[in-house]
């Protein structure tokens, strides 16, 4: 399993924004969705996820609201804001350029 330190700087923010673009979720559900969608390759610890959520909230890219979770417990649910959607588009485009460039280098034939 990849650890957050294995991820490119800033990638966790991008992944969280993308997951929250699909639907509002609480922190635990964000973590589970990331693990599920990545086929158990990406797993983020609470110690990395919650500071990232807090930072995204401070930047105005997500909002938080207390609601009842599926198991009837109070949980903070996070939603993407319009500035967060714009940031996701910007970071997504940047990530696509970077990953395309890395893929080009990795496809080089060895001599």
PDB file of N, CA and C in Angstrom:
ATOM      1  N   UNK A   1       0.836  -1.173   0.000  1.00  0.00           N
ATOM      2  CA  UNK A   1       0.000   0.000   0.000  1.00  0.00           C
ATOM      3  C   UNK A   1       0.889   1.246   0.000  1.00  0.00           C
ATOM      4  N   UNK A   2       0.486   2.228  -0.777  1.00  0.00           N
ATOM      5  CA  UNK A   2       1.221   3.483  -0.799  1.00  0.00           C
ATOM      6  C   UNK A   2       0.927   4.274   0.463  1.00  0.00           C
ATOM      7  N   UNK A   3       1.951   4.926   0.942  1.00  0.00           N
ATOM      8  CA  UNK A   3       1.793   5.822   2.083  1.00  0.00           C
ATOM      9  C   UNK A   3       1.740   7.234   1.537  1.00  0.00           C
ATOM     10  N   UNK A   4       1.153   8.187   2.284  1.00  0.00           N
ATOM     11  CA  UNK A   4       1.118   9.557   1.786  1.00  0.00           C
ATOM     12  C   UNK A   4       2.492  10.073   1.394  1.00  0.00           C
ATOM     13  N   UNK A   5       3.558   9.651   2.085  1.00  0.00           N
ATOM     14  CA  UNK A   5       4.898  10.113   1.733  1.00  0.00           C
ATOM     15  C   UNK A   5       5.322   9.591   0.366  1.00  0.00           C
ATOM     16  N   UNK A   6       4.672   8.532  -0.121  1.00  0.00           N
ATOM     17  CA  UNK A   6       4.974   7.997  -1.439  1.00  0.00           C
ATOM     18  C   UNK A   6       4.299   8.801  -2.551  1.00  0.00           C
ATOM     19  N   UNK A   7       3.315   9.618  -2.196  1.00  0.00           N
ATOM     20  CA  UNK A   7       2.563  10.370  -3.186  1.00  0.00           C
ATOM     21  C   UNK A   7       3.295  11.656  -3.541  1.00  0.00           C
ATOM     22  N   UNK A   8       3.121  12.105  -4.771  1.00  0.00           N
ATOM     23  CA  UNK A   8       3.685  13.372  -5.197  1.00  0.00           C
ATOM     24  C   UNK A   8       3.077  14.472  -4.330  1.00  0.00           C
ATOM     25  N   UNK A   9       3.891  15.461  -3.949  1.00  0.00           N
ATOM     26  CA  UNK A   9       3.430  16.568  -3.119  1.00  0.00           C
ATOM     27  C   UNK A   9       2.147  17.169  -3.695  1.00  0.00           C
ATOM     28  N   UNK A  10       1.126  17.309  -2.867  1.00  0.00           N
ATOM     29  CA  UNK A  10      -0.127  17.918  -3.296  1.00  0.00           C
ATOM     30  C   UNK A  10      -1.128  16.955  -3.883  1.00  0.00           C
ATOM     31  N   UNK A  11      -0.732  15.723  -4.121  1.00  0.00           N
ATOM     32  CA  UNK A  11      -1.634  14.756  -4.735  1.00  0.00           C
ATOM     33  C   UNK A  11      -2.820  14.426  -3.839  1.00  0.00           C
ATOM     34  N   UNK A  12      -2.612  14.360  -2.534  1.00  0.00           N
ATOM     35  CA  UNK A  12      -3.707  14.044  -1.619  1.00  0.00           C
ATOM     36  C   UNK A  12      -4.822  15.077  -1.746  1.00  0.00           C
ATOM     37  N   UNK A  13      -4.466  16.360  -1.833  1.00  0.00           N
ATOM     38  CA  UNK A  13      -5.485  17.400  -2.000  1.00  0.00           C
ATOM     39  C   UNK A  13      -6.295  17.153  -3.265  1.00  0.00           C
ATOM     40  N   UNK A  14      -5.617  16.869  -4.357  1.00  0.00           N
ATOM     41  CA  UNK A  14      -6.280  16.610  -5.634  1.00  0.00           C
ATOM     42  C   UNK A  14      -7.230  15.420  -5.511  1.00  0.00           C
ATOM     43  N   UNK A  15      -6.774  14.343  -4.900  1.00  0.00           N
ATOM     44  CA  UNK A  15      -7.607  13.143  -4.761  1.00  0.00           C
ATOM     45  C   UNK A  15      -8.830  13.402  -3.891  1.00  0.00           C
ATOM     46  N   UNK A  16      -8.644  14.135  -2.804  1.00  0.00           N
ATOM     47  CA  UNK A  16      -9.772  14.457  -1.916  1.00  0.00           C
ATOM     48  C   UNK A  16     -10.780  15.332  -2.653  1.00  0.00           C
ATOM     49  N   UNK A  17     -10.303  16.343  -3.369  1.00  0.00           N
ATOM     50  CA  UNK A  17     -11.219  17.198  -4.125  1.00  0.00           C
ATOM     51  C   UNK A  17     -12.005  16.386  -5.147  1.00  0.00           C
ATOM     52  N   UNK A  18     -11.333  15.478  -5.831  1.00  0.00           N
ATOM     53  CA  UNK A  18     -12.009  14.652  -6.844  1.00  0.00           C
ATOM     54  C   UNK A  18     -13.068  13.761  -6.206  1.00  0.00           C
ATOM     55  N   UNK A  19     -12.745  13.139  -5.094  1.00  0.00           N
ATOM     56  CA  UNK A  19     -13.700  12.269  -4.416  1.00  0.00           C
ATOM     57  C   UNK A  19     -14.912  13.068  -3.933  1.00  0.00           C
ATOM     58  N   UNK A  20     -14.662  14.258  -3.395  1.00  0.00           N
ATOM     59  CA  UNK A  20     -15.773  15.080  -2.894  1.00  0.00           C
ATOM     60  C   UNK A  20     -16.577  15.708  -4.024  1.00  0.00           C
ATOM     61  N   UNK A  21     -16.020  15.761  -5.239  1.00  0.00           N
ATOM     62  CA  UNK A  21     -16.780  16.266  -6.388  1.00  0.00           C
ATOM     63  C   UNK A  21     -17.928  15.313  -6.724  1.00  0.00           C
ATOM     64  N   UNK A  22     -17.782  14.057  -6.345  1.00  0.00           N
ATOM     65  CA  UNK A  22     -18.815  13.059  -6.638  1.00  0.00           C
ATOM     66  C   UNK A  22     -20.003  13.166  -5.690  1.00  0.00           C
ATOM     67  N   UNK A  23     -19.724  13.409  -4.397  1.00  0.00           N
ATOM     68  CA  UNK A  23     -20.780  13.541  -3.394  1.00  0.00           C
ATOM     69  C   UNK A  23     -20.170  13.953  -2.061  1.00  0.00           C
ATOM     70  N   UNK A  24     -20.960  14.605  -1.203  1.00  0.00           N
ATOM     71  CA  UNK A  24     -20.468  14.943   0.134  1.00  0.00           C
ATOM     72  C   UNK A  24     -20.206  13.661   0.937  1.00  0.00           C
ATOM     73  N   UNK A  25     -19.099  13.643   1.657  1.00  0.00           N
ATOM     74  CA  UNK A  25     -18.735  12.466   2.454  1.00  0.00           C
ATOM     75  C   UNK A  25     -18.086  12.912   3.754  1.00  0.00           C
ATOM     76  N   UNK A  26     -18.122  12.033   4.754  1.00  0.00           N
ATOM     77  CA  UNK A  26     -17.366  12.293   5.976  1.00  0.00           C
ATOM     78  C   UNK A  26     -15.930  11.800   5.770  1.00  0.00           C
ATOM     79  N   UNK A  27     -15.050  12.143   6.690  1.00  0.00           N
ATOM     80  CA  UNK A  27     -13.639  11.798   6.538  1.00  0.00           C
ATOM     81  C   UNK A  27     -13.385  10.310   6.381  1.00  0.00           C
ATOM     82  N   UNK A  28     -14.042   9.507   7.220  1.00  0.00           N
ATOM     83  CA  UNK A  28     -13.857   8.056   7.129  1.00  0.00           C
ATOM     84  C   UNK A  28     -14.265   7.553   5.748  1.00  0.00           C
ATOM     85  N   UNK A  29     -15.392   8.069   5.226  1.00  0.00           N
ATOM     86  CA  UNK A  29     -15.873   7.635   3.917  1.00  0.00           C
ATOM     87  C   UNK A  29     -14.936   8.084   2.798  1.00  0.00           C
ATOM     88  N   UNK A  30     -14.318   9.261   2.938  1.00  0.00           N
ATOM     89  CA  UNK A  30     -13.332   9.714   1.946  1.00  0.00           C
ATOM     90  C   UNK A  30     -12.178   8.725   1.898  1.00  0.00           C
ATOM     91  N   UNK A  31     -11.688   8.342   3.063  1.00  0.00           N
ATOM     92  CA  UNK A  31     -10.583   7.388   3.154  1.00  0.00           C
ATOM     93  C   UNK A  31     -10.954   6.045   2.528  1.00  0.00           C
ATOM     94  N   UNK A  32     -12.147   5.556   2.840  1.00  0.00           N
ATOM     95  CA  UNK A  32     -12.602   4.275   2.302  1.00  0.00           C
ATOM     96  C   UNK A  32     -12.796   4.342   0.789  1.00  0.00           C
ATOM     97  N   UNK A  33     -13.355   5.445   0.302  1.00  0.00           N
ATOM     98  CA  UNK A  33     -13.581   5.600  -1.141  1.00  0.00           C
ATOM     99  C   UNK A  33     -12.255   5.632  -1.883  1.00  0.00           C
ATOM    100  N   UNK A  34     -11.264   6.336  -1.344  1.00  0.00           N
ATOM    101  CA  UNK A  34      -9.940   6.387  -1.966  1.00  0.00           C
ATOM    102  C   UNK A  34      -9.337   4.987  -2.055  1.00  0.00           C
ATOM    103  N   UNK A  35      -9.432   4.252  -0.959  1.00  0.00           N
ATOM    104  CA  UNK A  35      -8.898   2.888  -0.940  1.00  0.00           C
ATOM    105  C   UNK A  35      -9.639   2.007  -1.945  1.00  0.00           C
ATOM    106  N   UNK A  36     -10.960   2.128  -1.966  1.00  0.00           N
ATOM    107  CA  UNK A  36     -11.792   1.301  -2.852  1.00  0.00           C
ATOM    108  C   UNK A  36     -11.524   1.608  -4.325  1.00  0.00           C
ATOM    109  N   UNK A  37     -11.561   2.897  -4.680  1.00  0.00           N
ATOM    110  CA  UNK A  37     -11.384   3.280  -6.083  1.00  0.00           C
ATOM    111  C   UNK A  37      -9.987   2.921  -6.586  1.00  0.00           C
ATOM    112  N   UNK A  38      -8.989   3.007  -5.711  1.00  0.00           N
ATOM    113  CA  UNK A  38      -7.611   2.718  -6.125  1.00  0.00           C
ATOM    114  C   UNK A  38      -7.296   1.225  -6.099  1.00  0.00           C
ATOM    115  N   UNK A  39      -8.282   0.395  -5.820  1.00  0.00           N
ATOM    116  CA  UNK A  39      -8.035  -1.049  -5.763  1.00  0.00           C
ATOM    117  C   UNK A  39      -7.117  -1.421  -4.615  1.00  0.00           C
ATOM    118  N   UNK A  40      -7.294  -0.767  -3.473  1.00  0.00           N
ATOM    119  CA  UNK A  40      -6.500  -0.999  -2.261  1.00  0.00           C
ATOM    120  C   UNK A  40      -5.035  -0.603  -2.396  1.00  0.00           C
ATOM    121  N   UNK A  41      -4.708   0.208  -3.399  1.00  0.00           N
ATOM    122  CA  UNK A  41      -3.322   0.643  -3.587  1.00  0.00           C
ATOM    123  C   UNK A  41      -3.043   1.883  -2.740  1.00  0.00           C
ATOM    124  N   UNK A  42      -3.989   2.817  -2.700  1.00  0.00           N
ATOM    125  CA  UNK A  42      -3.803   4.059  -1.953  1.00  0.00           C
ATOM    126  C   UNK A  42      -4.572   3.989  -0.649  1.00  0.00           C
ATOM    127  N   UNK A  43      -3.871   4.213   0.425  1.00  0.00           N
ATOM    128  CA  UNK A  43      -4.491   4.241   1.745  1.00  0.00           C
ATOM    129  C   UNK A  43      -3.891   5.412   2.502  1.00  0.00           C
ATOM    130  N   UNK A  44      -4.748   6.245   3.047  1.00  0.00           N
ATOM    131  CA  UNK A  44      -4.276   7.435   3.742  1.00  0.00           C
ATOM    132  C   UNK A  44      -4.626   7.329   5.223  1.00  0.00           C
ATOM    133  N   UNK A  45      -3.682   7.703   6.059  1.00  0.00           N
ATOM    134  CA  UNK A  45      -3.907   7.637   7.504  1.00  0.00           C
ATOM    135  C   UNK A  45      -4.737   8.834   7.957  1.00  0.00           C
ATOM    136  N   UNK A  46      -5.386   8.692   9.098  1.00  0.00           N
ATOM    137  CA  UNK A  46      -6.140   9.803   9.681  1.00  0.00           C
ATOM    138  C   UNK A  46      -5.224  10.996   9.915  1.00  0.00           C
ATOM    139  N   UNK A  47      -3.972  10.722  10.291  1.00  0.00           N
ATOM    140  CA  UNK A  47      -3.010  11.778  10.568  1.00  0.00           C
ATOM    141  C   UNK A  47      -2.634  12.596   9.343  1.00  0.00           C
ATOM    142  N   UNK A  48      -2.893  12.078   8.158  1.00  0.00           N
ATOM    143  CA  UNK A  48      -2.662  12.822   6.915  1.00  0.00           C
ATOM    144  C   UNK A  48      -3.970  13.378   6.353  1.00  0.00           C
ATOM    145  N   UNK A  49      -5.036  12.573   6.448  1.00  0.00           N
ATOM    146  CA  UNK A  49      -6.310  12.969   5.844  1.00  0.00           C
ATOM    147  C   UNK A  49      -6.944  14.167   6.538  1.00  0.00           C
ATOM    148  N   UNK A  50      -7.068  14.125   7.859  1.00  0.00           N
ATOM    149  CA  UNK A  50      -7.798  15.189   8.555  1.00  0.00           C
ATOM    150  C   UNK A  50      -7.095  16.543   8.485  1.00  0.00           C
ATOM    151  N   UNK A  51      -5.763  16.604   8.573  1.00  0.00           N
ATOM    152  CA  UNK A  51      -5.107  17.897   8.332  1.00  0.00           C
ATOM    153  C   UNK A  51      -5.342  18.404   6.901  1.00  0.00           C
ATOM    154  N   UNK A  52      -5.365  17.490   5.929  1.00  0.00           N
ATOM    155  CA  UNK A  52      -5.625  17.884   4.539  1.00  0.00           C
ATOM    156  C   UNK A  52      -7.044  18.437   4.403  1.00  0.00           C
ATOM    157  N   UNK A  53      -8.017  17.768   5.017  1.00  0.00           N
ATOM    158  CA  UNK A  53      -9.398  18.253   4.978  1.00  0.00           C
ATOM    159  C   UNK A  53      -9.502  19.633   5.625  1.00  0.00           C
ATOM    160  N   UNK A  54      -8.838  19.799   6.759  1.00  0.00           N
ATOM    161  CA  UNK A  54      -8.862  21.084   7.459  1.00  0.00           C
ATOM    162  C   UNK A  54      -8.257  22.186   6.586  1.00  0.00           C
ATOM    163  N   UNK A  55      -7.139  21.884   5.946  1.00  0.00           N
ATOM    164  CA  UNK A  55      -6.476  22.855   5.074  1.00  0.00           C
ATOM    165  C   UNK A  55      -7.368  23.228   3.892  1.00  0.00           C
ATOM    166  N   UNK A  56      -8.003  22.233   3.281  1.00  0.00           N
ATOM    167  CA  UNK A  56      -8.897  22.490   2.148  1.00  0.00           C
ATOM    168  C   UNK A  56     -10.094  23.338   2.574  1.00  0.00           C
ATOM    169  N   UNK A  57     -10.562  23.094   3.800  1.00  0.00           N
ATOM    170  CA  UNK A  57     -11.673  23.888   4.329  1.00  0.00           C
ATOM    171  C   UNK A  57     -11.225  25.337   4.568  1.00  0.00           C
ATOM    172  N   UNK A  58     -10.043  25.526   5.123  1.00  0.00           N
ATOM    173  CA  UNK A  58      -9.517  26.873   5.366  1.00  0.00           C
ATOM    174  C   UNK A  58      -9.313  27.645   4.059  1.00  0.00           C
ATOM    175  N   UNK A  59      -8.962  26.925   3.000  1.00  0.00           N
ATOM    176  CA  UNK A  59      -8.744  27.571   1.706  1.00  0.00           C
ATOM    177  C   UNK A  59     -10.065  27.877   0.989  1.00  0.00           C
ATOM    178  N   UNK A  60     -11.172  27.388   1.551  1.00  0.00           N
ATOM    179  CA  UNK A  60     -12.480  27.638   0.957  1.00  0.00           C
ATOM    180  C   UNK A  60     -12.832  26.703  -0.177  1.00  0.00           C
ATOM    181  N   UNK A  61     -12.074  25.633  -0.340  1.00  0.00           N
ATOM    182  CA  UNK A  61     -12.323  24.695  -1.428  1.00  0.00           C
ATOM    183  C   UNK A  61     -13.341  23.621  -1.059  1.00  0.00           C
ATOM    184  N   UNK A  62     -13.529  23.399   0.246  1.00  0.00           N
ATOM    185  CA  UNK A  62     -14.578  22.500   0.730  1.00  0.00           C
ATOM    186  C   UNK A  62     -15.272  23.173   1.914  1.00  0.00           C
ATOM    187  N   UNK A  63     -16.488  22.734   2.194  1.00  0.00           N
ATOM    188  CA  UNK A  63     -17.202  23.175   3.393  1.00  0.00           C
ATOM    189  C   UNK A  63     -17.518  21.933   4.206  1.00  0.00           C
ATOM    190  N   UNK A  64     -17.787  22.142   5.492  1.00  0.00           N
ATOM    191  CA  UNK A  64     -18.095  21.017   6.377  1.00  0.00           C
ATOM    192  C   UNK A  64     -19.408  21.292   7.103  1.00  0.00           C
ATOM    193  N   UNK A  65     -20.166  20.227   7.302  1.00  0.00           N
ATOM    194  CA  UNK A  65     -21.447  20.321   7.996  1.00  0.00           C
ATOM    195  C   UNK A  65     -21.633  19.072   8.843  1.00  0.00           C
ATOM    196  N   UNK A  66     -22.032  19.260  10.098  1.00  0.00           N
ATOM    197  CA  UNK A  66     -22.285  18.122  10.973  1.00  0.00           C
ATOM    198  C   UNK A  66     -23.617  17.479  10.595  1.00  0.00           C
ATOM    199  N   UNK A  67     -23.593  16.148  10.389  1.00  0.00           N
ATOM    200  CA  UNK A  67     -24.789  15.368  10.067  1.00  0.00           C
ATOM    201  C   UNK A  67     -24.674  14.011  10.739  1.00  0.00           C
ATOM    202  N   UNK A  68     -25.744  13.241  10.647  1.00  0.00           N
ATOM    203  CA  UNK A  68     -25.696  11.867  11.140  1.00  0.00           C
ATOM    204  C   UNK A  68     -25.167  10.962  10.040  1.00  0.00           C
ATOM    205  N   UNK A  69     -24.250  10.081  10.407  1.00  0.00           N
ATOM    206  CA  UNK A  69     -23.693   9.126   9.445  1.00  0.00           C
ATOM    207  C   UNK A  69     -24.645   7.949   9.281  1.00  0.00           C
ATOM    208  N   UNK A  70     -24.268   7.020   8.413  1.00  0.00           N
ATOM    209  CA  UNK A  70     -25.093   5.833   8.167  1.00  0.00           C
ATOM    210  C   UNK A  70     -25.337   5.023   9.439  1.00  0.00           C
ATOM    211  N   UNK A  71     -24.372   5.035  10.363  1.00  0.00           N
ATOM    212  CA  UNK A  71     -24.537   4.274  11.606  1.00  0.00           C
ATOM    213  C   UNK A  71     -25.049   5.152  12.750  1.00  0.00           C
ATOM    214  N   UNK A  72     -25.710   6.265  12.374  1.00  0.00           N
ATOM    215  CA  UNK A  72     -26.398   7.136  13.331  1.00  0.00           C
ATOM    216  C   UNK A  72     -25.470   7.860  14.303  1.00  0.00           C
ATOM    217  N   UNK A  73     -24.246   8.147  13.863  1.00  0.00           N
ATOM    218  CA  UNK A  73     -23.304   8.898  14.690  1.00  0.00           C
ATOM    219  C   UNK A  73     -23.065  10.252  14.034  1.00  0.00           C
ATOM    220  N   UNK A  74     -22.825  11.268  14.859  1.00  0.00           N
ATOM    221  CA  UNK A  74     -22.519  12.595  14.317  1.00  0.00           C
ATOM    222  C   UNK A  74     -21.166  12.563  13.618  1.00  0.00           C
ATOM    223  N   UNK A  75     -21.130  13.115  12.414  1.00  0.00           N
ATOM    224  CA  UNK A  75     -19.883  13.165  11.653  1.00  0.00           C
ATOM    225  C   UNK A  75     -19.883  14.437  10.811  1.00  0.00           C
ATOM    226  N   UNK A  76     -18.697  14.942  10.557  1.00  0.00           N
ATOM    227  CA  UNK A  76     -18.546  16.111   9.695  1.00  0.00           C
ATOM    228  C   UNK A  76     -18.550  15.636   8.248  1.00  0.00           C
ATOM    229  N   UNK A  77     -19.482  16.155   7.466  1.00  0.00           N
ATOM    230  CA  UNK A  77     -19.562  15.825   6.047  1.00  0.00           C
ATOM    231  C   UNK A  77     -18.981  16.981   5.246  1.00  0.00           C
ATOM    232  N   UNK A  78     -18.117  16.655   4.313  1.00  0.00           N
ATOM    233  CA  UNK A  78     -17.415  17.646   3.511  1.00  0.00           C
ATOM    234  C   UNK A  78     -18.001  17.698   2.104  1.00  0.00           C
ATOM    235  N   UNK A  79     -18.135  18.923   1.583  1.00  0.00           N
ATOM    236  CA  UNK A  79     -18.668  19.147   0.237  1.00  0.00           C
ATOM    237  C   UNK A  79     -17.731  20.083  -0.519  1.00  0.00           C
ATOM    238  N   UNK A  80     -17.673  19.891  -1.815  1.00  0.00           N
ATOM    239  CA  UNK A  80     -16.869  20.748  -2.676  1.00  0.00           C
ATOM    240  C   UNK A  80     -17.592  22.081  -2.893  1.00  0.00           C
ATOM    241  N   UNK A  81     -16.865  23.180  -2.843  1.00  0.00           N
ATOM    242  CA  UNK A  81     -17.420  24.507  -3.110  1.00  0.00           C
ATOM    243  C   UNK A  81     -17.128  24.879  -4.567  1.00  0.00           C
ATOM    244  N   UNK A  82     -17.785  25.917  -5.105  1.00  0.00           N
ATOM    245  CA  UNK A  82     -17.444  26.356  -6.472  1.00  0.00           C
ATOM    246  C   UNK A  82     -15.951  26.696  -6.637  1.00  0.00           C
ATOM    247  N   UNK A  83     -15.317  27.412  -5.675  1.00  0.00           N
ATOM    248  CA  UNK A  83     -13.860  27.613  -5.827  1.00  0.00           C
ATOM    249  C   UNK A  83     -13.087  26.283  -5.778  1.00  0.00           C
ATOM    250  N   UNK A  84     -13.588  25.321  -5.003  1.00  0.00           N
ATOM    251  CA  UNK A  84     -12.959  24.009  -4.949  1.00  0.00           C
ATOM    252  C   UNK A  84     -13.060  23.278  -6.272  1.00  0.00           C
ATOM    253  N   UNK A  85     -14.192  23.435  -6.944  1.00  0.00           N
ATOM    254  CA  UNK A  85     -14.365  22.811  -8.267  1.00  0.00           C
ATOM    255  C   UNK A  85     -13.384  23.429  -9.267  1.00  0.00           C
ATOM    256  N   UNK A  86     -13.207  24.754  -9.201  1.00  0.00           N
ATOM    257  CA  UNK A  86     -12.239  25.411 -10.096  1.00  0.00           C
ATOM    258  C   UNK A  86     -10.817  24.940  -9.789  1.00  0.00           C
ATOM    259  N   UNK A  87     -10.509  24.799  -8.498  1.00  0.00           N
ATOM    260  CA  UNK A  87      -9.184  24.318  -8.101  1.00  0.00           C
ATOM    261  C   UNK A  87      -8.962  22.887  -8.583  1.00  0.00           C
ATOM    262  N   UNK A  88     -10.000  22.065  -8.492  1.00  0.00           N
ATOM    263  CA  UNK A  88      -9.909  20.682  -8.974  1.00  0.00           C
ATOM    264  C   UNK A  88      -9.603  20.662 -10.468  1.00  0.00           C
ATOM    265  N   UNK A  89     -10.285  21.498 -11.230  1.00  0.00           N
ATOM    266  CA  UNK A  89     -10.024  21.553 -12.671  1.00  0.00           C
ATOM    267  C   UNK A  89      -8.585  21.983 -12.953  1.00  0.00           C
ATOM    268  N   UNK A  90      -8.120  22.997 -12.217  1.00  0.00           N
ATOM    269  CA  UNK A  90      -6.751  23.503 -12.393  1.00  0.00           C
ATOM    270  C   UNK A  90      -5.724  22.436 -12.025  1.00  0.00           C
ATOM    271  N   UNK A  91      -5.882  21.828 -10.841  1.00  0.00           N
ATOM    272  CA  UNK A  91      -4.933  20.808 -10.396  1.00  0.00           C
ATOM    273  C   UNK A  91      -5.014  19.551 -11.257  1.00  0.00           C
ATOM    274  N   UNK A  92      -6.224  19.217 -11.717  1.00  0.00           N
ATOM    275  CA  UNK A  92      -6.394  18.049 -12.579  1.00  0.00           C
ATOM    276  C   UNK A  92      -5.655  18.226 -13.894  1.00  0.00           C
ATOM    277  N   UNK A  93      -5.752  19.419 -14.476  1.00  0.00           N
ATOM    278  CA  UNK A  93      -5.045  19.703 -15.732  1.00  0.00           C
ATOM    279  C   UNK A  93      -3.534  19.640 -15.517  1.00  0.00           C
ATOM    280  N   UNK A  94      -3.084  20.179 -14.402  1.00  0.00           N
ATOM    281  CA  UNK A  94      -1.649  20.148 -14.086  1.00  0.00           C
ATOM    282  C   UNK A  94      -1.176  18.706 -13.896  1.00  0.00           C
ATOM    283  N   UNK A  95      -1.966  17.911 -13.168  1.00  0.00           N
ATOM    284  CA  UNK A  95      -1.616  16.506 -12.941  1.00  0.00           C
ATOM    285  C   UNK A  95      -1.557  15.753 -14.265  1.00  0.00           C
ATOM    286  N   UNK A  96      -2.504  15.995 -15.162  1.00  0.00           N
ATOM    287  CA  UNK A  96      -2.514  15.309 -16.459  1.00  0.00           C
ATOM    288  C   UNK A  96      -1.266  15.644 -17.265  1.00  0.00           C
ATOM    289  N   UNK A  97      -0.847  16.917 -17.245  1.00  0.00           N
ATOM    290  CA  UNK A  97       0.389  17.296 -17.950  1.00  0.00           C
ATOM    291  C   UNK A  97       1.596  16.583 -17.351  1.00  0.00           C
ATOM    292  N   UNK A  98       1.678  16.582 -16.014  1.00  0.00           N
ATOM    293  CA  UNK A  98       2.803  15.948 -15.336  1.00  0.00           C
ATOM    294  C   UNK A  98       2.838  14.442 -15.595  1.00  0.00           C
ATOM    295  N   UNK A  99       1.691  13.784 -15.457  1.00  0.00           N
ATOM    296  CA  UNK A  99       1.679  12.325 -15.633  1.00  0.00           C
ATOM    297  C   UNK A  99       1.955  11.934 -17.081  1.00  0.00           C
ATOM    298  N   UNK A 100       1.522  12.753 -18.039  1.00  0.00           N
ATOM    299  CA  UNK A 100       1.831  12.490 -19.445  1.00  0.00           C
ATOM    300  C   UNK A 100       3.335  12.607 -19.687  1.00  0.00           C
ATOM    301  N   UNK A 101       3.954  13.628 -19.107  1.00  0.00           N
ATOM    302  CA  UNK A 101       5.401  13.824 -19.272  1.00  0.00           C
ATOM    303  C   UNK A 101       6.184  12.666 -18.653  1.00  0.00           C
ATOM    304  N   UNK A 102       5.777  12.238 -17.465  1.00  0.00           N
ATOM    305  CA  UNK A 102       6.454  11.114 -16.806  1.00  0.00           C
ATOM    306  C   UNK A 102       6.282   9.844 -17.623  1.00  0.00           C
ATOM    307  N   UNK A 103       5.083   9.628 -18.159  1.00  0.00           N
ATOM    308  CA  UNK A 103       4.839   8.438 -18.983  1.00  0.00           C
ATOM    309  C   UNK A 103       5.730   8.423 -20.214  1.00  0.00           C
ATOM    310  N   UNK A 104       5.935   9.580 -20.820  1.00  0.00           N
ATOM    311  CA  UNK A 104       6.819   9.659 -21.990  1.00  0.00           C
ATOM    312  C   UNK A 104       8.234   9.231 -21.639  1.00  0.00           C
ATOM    313  N   UNK A 105       8.719   9.698 -20.508  1.00  0.00           N
ATOM    314  CA  UNK A 105      10.069   9.338 -20.080  1.00  0.00           C
ATOM    315  C   UNK A 105      10.140   7.837 -19.787  1.00  0.00           C
ATOM    316  N   UNK A 106       9.153   7.299 -19.114  1.00  0.00           N
ATOM    317  CA  UNK A 106       9.168   5.886 -18.743  1.00  0.00           C
ATOM    318  C   UNK A 106       9.050   4.943 -19.938  1.00  0.00           C
ATOM    319  N   UNK A 107       8.511   5.439 -21.057  1.00  0.00           N
ATOM    320  CA  UNK A 107       8.391   4.596 -22.246  1.00  0.00           C
ATOM    321  C   UNK A 107       9.669   4.537 -23.071  1.00  0.00           C
ATOM    322  N   UNK A 108      10.694   5.288 -22.676  1.00  0.00           N
ATOM    323  CA  UNK A 108      11.945   5.271 -23.424  1.00  0.00           C
ATOM    324  C   UNK A 108      12.523   3.859 -23.428  1.00  0.00           C
ATOM    325  N   UNK A 109      13.052   3.478 -24.566  1.00  0.00           N
ATOM    326  CA  UNK A 109      13.667   2.164 -24.703  1.00  0.00           C
ATOM    327  C   UNK A 109      15.108   2.198 -24.182  1.00  0.00           C
ATOM    328  N   UNK A 110      15.455   1.211 -23.404  1.00  0.00           N
ATOM    329  CA  UNK A 110      16.832   1.127 -22.883  1.00  0.00           C
ATOM    330  C   UNK A 110      17.721   0.546 -23.967  1.00  0.00           C
ATOM    331  N   UNK A 111      18.983   0.965 -23.956  1.00  0.00           N
ATOM    332  CA  UNK A 111      19.938   0.446 -24.939  1.00  0.00           C
ATOM    333  C   UNK A 111      20.827  -0.593 -24.368  1.00  0.00           C
TER     334      UNK A 111
END
